[in-house]
Amino acid sequence: MAEPWESPTGHFDREEPLQARYTYPLATFGQRALAWVVDIVLLAAIGEVLVHINPKEANGVSALIDLGYMVLLLGGPFGQTVGAKVARVRVVNMNGKPLGYLRATARYFVSGISALVFGLGYLWALKDPKKQTFHDKVCGSLVISLAQQPETEPQNHRDYPFNS
């Protein structure tokens, strides 16, 4: 079988054990940007509250909250932060399975490198055939769009194809 992202239509295909087929398009740059903005606003609001509670410790605590937020939500079974949920995108590994906590941690730290030099690591997704950023490439992740869910997709989260 050809790799899922090599589809001529630009869709992400995944076979289930019951031979059901689900097709998800790769997330657009706009969807990814929306998810990022929502997450940044949410995390900035939390950071602002922390500054008012304890200004001396706010930066360290805020950094730990940011790390935990990204790793636990993107590495978990749903692969979505609050921003990703709003933008209707999900982060998965190259096989369409949940990213996992180790890869999510690596993705978080490498995303800092993506931001260096005018954010070129993020802008990489505009030209990449798999729509991957630098940190997606390094960590083996894809961001898929859930904006147009297949009609045959299970609606119960326990039956969701990426909840293996």
N, C-alpha and C. Protein backbone atom coordinates (compact mmCIF):
# COMPACT_ATOMS: atom_id res chain seq x y z
N MET A 1 0.84 -1.17 0.00
CA MET A 1 0.00 0.00 0.00
C MET A 1 0.89 1.23 0.00
N ALA A 2 0.54 2.22 -0.78
CA ALA A 2 1.28 3.48 -0.79
C ALA A 2 1.13 4.15 0.56
N GLU A 3 2.12 4.97 0.90
CA GLU A 3 2.05 5.69 2.16
C GLU A 3 0.81 6.59 2.16
N PRO A 4 0.19 6.79 3.31
CA PRO A 4 -1.07 7.54 3.38
C PRO A 4 -0.99 8.95 2.81
N TRP A 5 0.13 9.64 3.00
CA TRP A 5 0.23 11.02 2.56
C TRP A 5 0.62 11.14 1.10
N GLU A 6 0.85 10.00 0.41
CA GLU A 6 1.23 10.03 -0.99
C GLU A 6 0.03 9.98 -1.92
N SER A 7 -1.14 10.02 -1.36
CA SER A 7 -2.35 10.00 -2.17
C SER A 7 -2.36 11.19 -3.12
N PRO A 8 -2.71 10.98 -4.38
CA PRO A 8 -2.72 12.09 -5.33
C PRO A 8 -3.74 13.16 -4.95
N THR A 9 -4.70 12.83 -4.11
CA THR A 9 -5.71 13.81 -3.71
C THR A 9 -5.27 14.60 -2.49
N GLY A 10 -4.13 14.25 -1.90
CA GLY A 10 -3.64 14.95 -0.73
C GLY A 10 -4.37 14.54 0.54
N HIS A 11 -4.99 13.38 0.54
CA HIS A 11 -5.73 12.91 1.71
C HIS A 11 -4.90 11.90 2.47
N PHE A 12 -5.21 11.76 3.73
CA PHE A 12 -4.53 10.83 4.62
C PHE A 12 -5.43 9.61 4.78
N ASP A 13 -4.99 8.46 4.29
CA ASP A 13 -5.77 7.23 4.36
C ASP A 13 -5.27 6.35 5.49
N ARG A 14 -6.19 5.61 6.08
CA ARG A 14 -5.81 4.71 7.16
C ARG A 14 -6.73 3.49 7.13
N GLU A 15 -6.14 2.30 7.17
CA GLU A 15 -6.95 1.09 7.20
C GLU A 15 -7.16 0.65 8.63
N GLU A 16 -8.35 0.25 8.93
CA GLU A 16 -8.71 -0.26 10.25
C GLU A 16 -8.65 -1.79 10.22
N PRO A 17 -8.52 -2.43 11.40
CA PRO A 17 -8.48 -3.89 11.44
C PRO A 17 -9.71 -4.54 10.79
N LEU A 18 -10.86 -3.87 10.83
CA LEU A 18 -12.06 -4.43 10.22
C LEU A 18 -12.16 -4.08 8.74
N GLN A 19 -11.06 -3.58 8.19
CA GLN A 19 -10.96 -3.21 6.78
C GLN A 19 -11.83 -2.01 6.41
N ALA A 20 -12.32 -1.28 7.41
CA ALA A 20 -13.03 -0.03 7.11
C ALA A 20 -11.97 0.99 6.67
N ARG A 21 -12.33 1.93 5.83
CA ARG A 21 -11.36 2.90 5.34
C ARG A 21 -11.83 4.30 5.71
N TYR A 22 -10.93 5.06 6.29
CA TYR A 22 -11.20 6.44 6.66
C TYR A 22 -10.20 7.32 5.93
N THR A 23 -10.67 8.41 5.39
CA THR A 23 -9.80 9.33 4.68
C THR A 23 -9.90 10.69 5.34
N TYR A 24 -8.76 11.23 5.69
CA TYR A 24 -8.70 12.54 6.31
C TYR A 24 -7.76 13.40 5.50
N PRO A 25 -8.20 14.58 5.11
CA PRO A 25 -7.27 15.48 4.43
C PRO A 25 -6.25 16.01 5.44
N LEU A 26 -5.11 16.37 4.94
CA LEU A 26 -4.11 17.01 5.79
C LEU A 26 -4.62 18.39 6.18
N ALA A 27 -4.31 18.83 7.37
CA ALA A 27 -4.76 20.13 7.85
C ALA A 27 -4.16 21.25 7.01
N THR A 28 -4.92 22.28 6.79
CA THR A 28 -4.42 23.44 6.04
C THR A 28 -3.58 24.30 6.97
N PHE A 29 -2.80 25.18 6.38
CA PHE A 29 -2.00 26.10 7.17
C PHE A 29 -2.92 27.00 8.01
N GLY A 30 -4.05 27.39 7.45
CA GLY A 30 -5.01 28.22 8.18
C GLY A 30 -5.58 27.51 9.40
N GLN A 31 -5.90 26.23 9.26
CA GLN A 31 -6.40 25.47 10.41
C GLN A 31 -5.33 25.38 11.50
N ARG A 32 -4.11 25.12 11.08
CA ARG A 32 -3.01 25.02 12.04
C ARG A 32 -2.79 26.35 12.74
N ALA A 33 -2.85 27.44 11.97
CA ALA A 33 -2.65 28.77 12.55
C ALA A 33 -3.76 29.10 13.55
N LEU A 34 -4.99 28.75 13.22
CA LEU A 34 -6.11 28.98 14.14
C LEU A 34 -5.90 28.22 15.44
N ALA A 35 -5.51 26.95 15.34
CA ALA A 35 -5.26 26.15 16.54
C ALA A 35 -4.16 26.78 17.38
N TRP A 36 -3.10 27.24 16.73
CA TRP A 36 -1.98 27.85 17.44
C TRP A 36 -2.43 29.12 18.16
N VAL A 37 -3.20 29.97 17.48
CA VAL A 37 -3.66 31.23 18.09
C VAL A 37 -4.54 30.95 19.30
N VAL A 38 -5.47 30.02 19.18
CA VAL A 38 -6.35 29.69 20.32
C VAL A 38 -5.52 29.18 21.49
N ASP A 39 -4.58 28.30 21.23
CA ASP A 39 -3.73 27.76 22.31
C ASP A 39 -2.88 28.86 22.94
N ILE A 40 -2.31 29.74 22.13
CA ILE A 40 -1.47 30.82 22.66
C ILE A 40 -2.30 31.76 23.53
N VAL A 41 -3.49 32.11 23.09
CA VAL A 41 -4.35 32.99 23.89
C VAL A 41 -4.71 32.32 25.22
N LEU A 42 -5.06 31.06 25.17
CA LEU A 42 -5.41 30.32 26.39
C LEU A 42 -4.23 30.25 27.34
N LEU A 43 -3.06 29.87 26.84
CA LEU A 43 -1.88 29.76 27.69
C LEU A 43 -1.39 31.12 28.19
N ALA A 44 -1.56 32.16 27.38
CA ALA A 44 -1.19 33.51 27.83
C ALA A 44 -2.11 33.97 28.95
N ALA A 45 -3.39 33.64 28.86
CA ALA A 45 -4.33 34.00 29.92
C ALA A 45 -3.96 33.30 31.23
N ILE A 46 -3.60 32.04 31.13
CA ILE A 46 -3.17 31.30 32.33
C ILE A 46 -1.90 31.93 32.89
N GLY A 47 -0.96 32.27 32.02
CA GLY A 47 0.27 32.92 32.46
C GLY A 47 0.01 34.25 33.14
N GLU A 48 -0.94 35.01 32.62
CA GLU A 48 -1.29 36.30 33.22
C GLU A 48 -1.86 36.12 34.62
N VAL A 49 -2.69 35.13 34.80
CA VAL A 49 -3.24 34.83 36.13
C VAL A 49 -2.10 34.45 37.08
N LEU A 50 -1.17 33.64 36.60
CA LEU A 50 -0.04 33.23 37.44
C LEU A 50 0.83 34.42 37.86
N VAL A 51 0.99 35.38 36.96
CA VAL A 51 1.79 36.58 37.29
C VAL A 51 1.15 37.33 38.44
N HIS A 52 -0.17 37.40 38.45
CA HIS A 52 -0.87 38.11 39.53
C HIS A 52 -0.86 37.33 40.83
N ILE A 53 -0.78 36.02 40.74
CA ILE A 53 -0.75 35.19 41.95
C ILE A 53 0.64 35.20 42.58
N ASN A 54 1.66 34.94 41.77
CA ASN A 54 3.03 34.87 42.29
C ASN A 54 4.00 35.29 41.18
N PRO A 55 4.33 36.58 41.11
CA PRO A 55 5.17 37.08 40.02
C PRO A 55 6.55 36.43 39.94
N LYS A 56 7.12 36.06 41.08
CA LYS A 56 8.48 35.50 41.08
C LYS A 56 8.54 34.11 40.45
N GLU A 57 7.49 33.34 40.62
CA GLU A 57 7.48 31.95 40.13
C GLU A 57 6.69 31.78 38.84
N ALA A 58 6.06 32.84 38.35
CA ALA A 58 5.14 32.73 37.23
C ALA A 58 5.77 32.16 35.97
N ASN A 59 6.99 32.61 35.62
CA ASN A 59 7.61 32.13 34.39
C ASN A 59 7.88 30.63 34.41
N GLY A 60 8.43 30.13 35.50
CA GLY A 60 8.73 28.70 35.60
C GLY A 60 7.48 27.85 35.61
N VAL A 61 6.50 28.27 36.38
CA VAL A 61 5.25 27.52 36.46
C VAL A 61 4.52 27.56 35.12
N SER A 62 4.54 28.72 34.49
CA SER A 62 3.89 28.86 33.19
C SER A 62 4.54 27.95 32.15
N ALA A 63 5.86 27.86 32.17
CA ALA A 63 6.57 26.97 31.23
C ALA A 63 6.20 25.52 31.45
N LEU A 64 6.08 25.12 32.71
CA LEU A 64 5.67 23.74 33.01
C LEU A 64 4.23 23.47 32.57
N ILE A 65 3.37 24.46 32.77
CA ILE A 65 1.97 24.30 32.33
C ILE A 65 1.92 24.18 30.81
N ASP A 66 2.68 25.01 30.10
CA ASP A 66 2.72 24.94 28.63
C ASP A 66 3.18 23.55 28.17
N LEU A 67 4.26 23.07 28.77
CA LEU A 67 4.79 21.75 28.41
C LEU A 67 3.75 20.67 28.70
N GLY A 68 3.17 20.68 29.88
CA GLY A 68 2.17 19.68 30.24
C GLY A 68 0.96 19.72 29.34
N TYR A 69 0.49 20.92 29.05
CA TYR A 69 -0.68 21.11 28.18
C TYR A 69 -0.44 20.47 26.81
N MET A 70 0.68 20.82 26.20
CA MET A 70 0.97 20.30 24.86
C MET A 70 1.24 18.80 24.86
N VAL A 71 2.05 18.34 25.80
CA VAL A 71 2.43 16.92 25.80
C VAL A 71 1.24 16.03 26.16
N LEU A 72 0.53 16.37 27.22
CA LEU A 72 -0.58 15.51 27.66
C LEU A 72 -1.72 15.49 26.64
N LEU A 73 -2.03 16.64 26.06
CA LEU A 73 -3.15 16.67 25.11
C LEU A 73 -2.77 16.14 23.73
N LEU A 74 -1.61 16.53 23.21
CA LEU A 74 -1.22 16.04 21.88
C LEU A 74 -0.74 14.60 21.92
N GLY A 75 -0.15 14.18 23.03
CA GLY A 75 0.35 12.81 23.14
C GLY A 75 -0.70 11.82 23.56
N GLY A 76 -1.83 12.31 24.04
CA GLY A 76 -2.90 11.43 24.50
C GLY A 76 -3.68 10.81 23.35
N PRO A 77 -4.71 10.06 23.68
CA PRO A 77 -5.45 9.31 22.66
C PRO A 77 -6.18 10.17 21.63
N PHE A 78 -6.50 11.42 21.98
CA PHE A 78 -7.25 12.25 21.04
C PHE A 78 -6.36 13.14 20.19
N GLY A 79 -5.12 13.40 20.63
CA GLY A 79 -4.18 14.19 19.84
C GLY A 79 -4.63 15.61 19.56
N GLN A 80 -5.37 16.20 20.50
CA GLN A 80 -5.90 17.54 20.28
C GLN A 80 -5.76 18.41 21.52
N THR A 81 -5.28 19.63 21.31
CA THR A 81 -5.34 20.66 22.33
C THR A 81 -6.70 21.34 22.18
N VAL A 82 -6.97 22.32 23.02
CA VAL A 82 -8.22 23.08 22.89
C VAL A 82 -8.24 23.77 21.52
N GLY A 83 -7.12 24.35 21.13
CA GLY A 83 -7.04 25.01 19.83
C GLY A 83 -7.25 24.05 18.67
N ALA A 84 -6.68 22.86 18.78
CA ALA A 84 -6.86 21.86 17.74
C ALA A 84 -8.32 21.43 17.64
N LYS A 85 -8.98 21.34 18.78
CA LYS A 85 -10.41 20.98 18.79
C LYS A 85 -11.22 22.06 18.08
N VAL A 86 -10.93 23.32 18.38
CA VAL A 86 -11.63 24.44 17.74
C VAL A 86 -11.37 24.44 16.23
N ALA A 87 -10.12 24.22 15.83
CA ALA A 87 -9.75 24.24 14.41
C ALA A 87 -10.10 22.93 13.69
N ARG A 88 -10.55 21.93 14.46
CA ARG A 88 -10.92 20.62 13.91
C ARG A 88 -9.74 19.94 13.22
N VAL A 89 -8.62 19.88 13.96
CA VAL A 89 -7.44 19.16 13.50
C VAL A 89 -6.99 18.21 14.58
N ARG A 90 -6.16 17.26 14.21
CA ARG A 90 -5.63 16.28 15.16
C ARG A 90 -4.19 15.96 14.75
N VAL A 91 -3.34 15.76 15.75
CA VAL A 91 -1.95 15.38 15.51
C VAL A 91 -1.85 13.87 15.69
N VAL A 92 -1.28 13.20 14.69
CA VAL A 92 -1.12 11.75 14.72
C VAL A 92 0.30 11.41 14.28
N ASN A 93 0.71 10.15 14.50
CA ASN A 93 2.00 9.74 13.97
C ASN A 93 1.83 9.40 12.49
N MET A 94 2.88 8.98 11.85
CA MET A 94 2.85 8.73 10.41
C MET A 94 1.96 7.55 10.03
N ASN A 95 1.56 6.73 10.99
CA ASN A 95 0.67 5.60 10.73
C ASN A 95 -0.77 5.92 11.09
N GLY A 96 -1.05 7.15 11.49
CA GLY A 96 -2.42 7.53 11.84
C GLY A 96 -2.80 7.19 13.27
N LYS A 97 -1.87 6.74 14.06
CA LYS A 97 -2.14 6.39 15.46
C LYS A 97 -1.83 7.59 16.34
N PRO A 98 -2.25 7.55 17.61
CA PRO A 98 -1.90 8.65 18.52
C PRO A 98 -0.39 8.88 18.55
N LEU A 99 -0.02 10.11 18.73
CA LEU A 99 1.39 10.50 18.68
C LEU A 99 2.20 9.88 19.82
N GLY A 100 1.62 9.80 20.99
CA GLY A 100 2.34 9.27 22.15
C GLY A 100 3.07 10.38 22.88
N TYR A 101 3.30 10.17 24.16
CA TYR A 101 3.86 11.21 25.01
C TYR A 101 5.33 11.52 24.71
N LEU A 102 6.11 10.53 24.35
CA LEU A 102 7.52 10.77 24.05
C LEU A 102 7.66 11.64 22.81
N ARG A 103 6.96 11.30 21.75
CA ARG A 103 7.02 12.10 20.52
C ARG A 103 6.42 13.49 20.74
N ALA A 104 5.36 13.56 21.53
CA ALA A 104 4.75 14.87 21.82
C ALA A 104 5.73 15.76 22.57
N THR A 105 6.50 15.17 23.48
CA THR A 105 7.50 15.93 24.22
C THR A 105 8.58 16.43 23.27
N ALA A 106 9.07 15.55 22.42
CA ALA A 106 10.09 15.94 21.44
C ALA A 106 9.55 17.02 20.51
N ARG A 107 8.31 16.86 20.07
CA ARG A 107 7.68 17.83 19.17
C ARG A 107 7.59 19.20 19.84
N TYR A 108 7.27 19.21 21.12
CA TYR A 108 7.18 20.47 21.86
C TYR A 108 8.53 21.20 21.86
N PHE A 109 9.59 20.49 22.19
CA PHE A 109 10.90 21.13 22.27
C PHE A 109 11.44 21.51 20.90
N VAL A 110 11.22 20.68 19.90
CA VAL A 110 11.71 21.00 18.55
C VAL A 110 10.90 22.14 17.94
N SER A 111 9.66 22.34 18.40
CA SER A 111 8.86 23.46 17.87
C SER A 111 9.52 24.80 18.22
N GLY A 112 10.27 24.83 19.30
CA GLY A 112 11.03 26.03 19.63
C GLY A 112 12.07 26.33 18.57
N ILE A 113 12.67 25.30 18.03
CA ILE A 113 13.65 25.48 16.95
C ILE A 113 12.93 25.95 15.69
N SER A 114 11.71 25.45 15.46
CA SER A 114 10.93 25.88 14.30
C SER A 114 10.63 27.37 14.33
N ALA A 115 10.53 27.93 15.53
CA ALA A 115 10.22 29.35 15.66
C ALA A 115 11.43 30.24 15.39
N LEU A 116 12.63 29.68 15.48
CA LEU A 116 13.83 30.47 15.24
C LEU A 116 13.90 30.94 13.79
N VAL A 117 14.63 31.96 13.55
CA VAL A 117 14.85 32.54 12.22
C VAL A 117 13.51 32.83 11.53
N PHE A 118 12.77 33.75 12.08
CA PHE A 118 11.52 34.24 11.50
C PHE A 118 10.45 33.17 11.33
N GLY A 119 10.48 32.13 12.13
CA GLY A 119 9.45 31.10 12.07
C GLY A 119 9.51 30.23 10.84
N LEU A 120 10.67 30.13 10.22
CA LEU A 120 10.78 29.35 8.98
C LEU A 120 10.41 27.88 9.16
N GLY A 121 10.64 27.33 10.35
CA GLY A 121 10.26 25.94 10.61
C GLY A 121 8.76 25.72 10.53
N TYR A 122 8.00 26.75 10.89
CA TYR A 122 6.54 26.68 10.77
C TYR A 122 6.10 26.92 9.33
N LEU A 123 6.75 27.88 8.68
CA LEU A 123 6.38 28.22 7.30
C LEU A 123 6.72 27.09 6.33
N TRP A 124 7.58 26.19 6.75
CA TRP A 124 7.94 25.01 5.95
C TRP A 124 6.68 24.28 5.49
N ALA A 125 5.65 24.27 6.32
CA ALA A 125 4.41 23.55 6.01
C ALA A 125 3.71 24.10 4.76
N LEU A 126 3.98 25.33 4.40
CA LEU A 126 3.35 25.92 3.22
C LEU A 126 3.80 25.26 1.92
N LYS A 127 5.03 24.78 1.90
CA LYS A 127 5.59 24.19 0.68
C LYS A 127 5.75 22.67 0.74
N ASP A 128 5.67 22.11 1.93
CA ASP A 128 5.91 20.67 2.09
C ASP A 128 4.74 19.86 1.53
N PRO A 129 5.01 18.80 0.76
CA PRO A 129 3.92 17.99 0.20
C PRO A 129 3.05 17.32 1.27
N LYS A 130 3.63 17.04 2.44
CA LYS A 130 2.87 16.43 3.54
C LYS A 130 2.34 17.48 4.51
N LYS A 131 2.57 18.76 4.18
CA LYS A 131 2.16 19.89 5.00
C LYS A 131 2.73 19.82 6.41
N GLN A 132 3.96 19.33 6.51
CA GLN A 132 4.62 19.19 7.80
C GLN A 132 5.51 20.39 8.08
N THR A 133 5.55 20.79 9.34
CA THR A 133 6.50 21.78 9.79
C THR A 133 7.82 21.07 10.06
N PHE A 134 8.84 21.84 10.43
CA PHE A 134 10.12 21.23 10.77
C PHE A 134 9.96 20.26 11.93
N HIS A 135 9.22 20.66 12.97
CA HIS A 135 9.07 19.78 14.13
C HIS A 135 8.22 18.55 13.81
N ASP A 136 7.30 18.64 12.86
CA ASP A 136 6.57 17.45 12.41
C ASP A 136 7.51 16.47 11.74
N LYS A 137 8.39 16.99 10.88
CA LYS A 137 9.35 16.13 10.18
C LYS A 137 10.25 15.40 11.17
N VAL A 138 10.81 16.16 12.12
CA VAL A 138 11.75 15.58 13.07
C VAL A 138 11.08 14.52 13.93
N CYS A 139 9.85 14.77 14.34
CA CYS A 139 9.16 13.88 15.29
C CYS A 139 8.23 12.87 14.64
N GLY A 140 8.12 12.88 13.33
CA GLY A 140 7.28 11.91 12.64
C GLY A 140 5.80 12.09 12.91
N SER A 141 5.33 13.33 12.82
CA SER A 141 3.92 13.59 13.05
C SER A 141 3.26 14.23 11.84
N LEU A 142 1.97 14.04 11.75
CA LEU A 142 1.13 14.67 10.73
C LEU A 142 0.00 15.38 11.45
N VAL A 143 -0.49 16.44 10.85
CA VAL A 143 -1.67 17.11 11.38
C VAL A 143 -2.77 16.92 10.34
N ILE A 144 -3.83 16.25 10.76
CA ILE A 144 -4.93 15.95 9.84
C ILE A 144 -6.13 16.82 10.17
N SER A 145 -6.97 17.02 9.19
CA SER A 145 -8.17 17.83 9.34
C SER A 145 -9.37 16.92 9.61
N LEU A 146 -10.16 17.32 10.57
CA LEU A 146 -11.40 16.61 10.87
C LEU A 146 -12.60 17.42 10.41
N ALA A 147 -12.35 18.47 9.63
CA ALA A 147 -13.42 19.38 9.21
C ALA A 147 -14.48 18.67 8.38
N GLN A 148 -14.08 17.71 7.58
CA GLN A 148 -15.03 16.95 6.78
C GLN A 148 -14.87 15.49 7.14
N GLN A 149 -15.56 15.08 8.21
CA GLN A 149 -15.44 13.70 8.66
C GLN A 149 -16.14 12.76 7.70
N PRO A 150 -15.54 11.58 7.48
CA PRO A 150 -16.18 10.59 6.62
C PRO A 150 -17.52 10.17 7.21
N GLU A 151 -18.46 9.85 6.33
CA GLU A 151 -19.78 9.44 6.79
C GLU A 151 -19.75 8.16 7.60
N THR A 152 -18.78 7.29 7.33
CA THR A 152 -18.73 6.00 8.01
C THR A 152 -17.96 6.05 9.32
N GLU A 153 -17.44 7.24 9.69
CA GLU A 153 -16.62 7.33 10.91
C GLU A 153 -17.48 7.15 12.14
N PRO A 154 -17.03 6.33 13.08
CA PRO A 154 -17.77 6.16 14.32
C PRO A 154 -17.84 7.47 15.10
N GLN A 155 -18.98 7.77 15.69
CA GLN A 155 -19.14 9.00 16.44
C GLN A 155 -18.81 8.81 17.92
N ASN A 156 -18.83 7.58 18.40
CA ASN A 156 -18.49 7.29 19.78
C ASN A 156 -16.98 7.37 19.93
N HIS A 157 -16.48 8.18 20.89
CA HIS A 157 -15.04 8.36 21.00
C HIS A 157 -14.30 7.06 21.31
N ARG A 158 -14.96 6.10 21.91
CA ARG A 158 -14.29 4.82 22.19
C ARG A 158 -14.04 4.02 20.92
N ASP A 159 -14.85 4.27 19.90
CA ASP A 159 -14.70 3.56 18.63
C ASP A 159 -13.89 4.36 17.62
N TYR A 160 -13.33 5.48 18.03
CA TYR A 160 -12.63 6.34 17.09
C TYR A 160 -11.42 5.61 16.52
N PRO A 161 -11.19 5.74 15.23
CA PRO A 161 -10.12 4.96 14.60
C PRO A 161 -8.73 5.20 15.17
N PHE A 162 -8.46 6.35 15.77
CA PHE A 162 -7.14 6.59 16.29
C PHE A 162 -7.03 6.20 17.75
N ASN A 163 -8.06 5.62 18.31
CA ASN A 163 -8.04 5.18 19.71
C ASN A 163 -7.72 3.71 19.80
N SER A 164 -6.65 3.28 19.21
CA SER A 164 -6.31 1.86 19.21
C SER A 164 -5.75 1.44 20.53
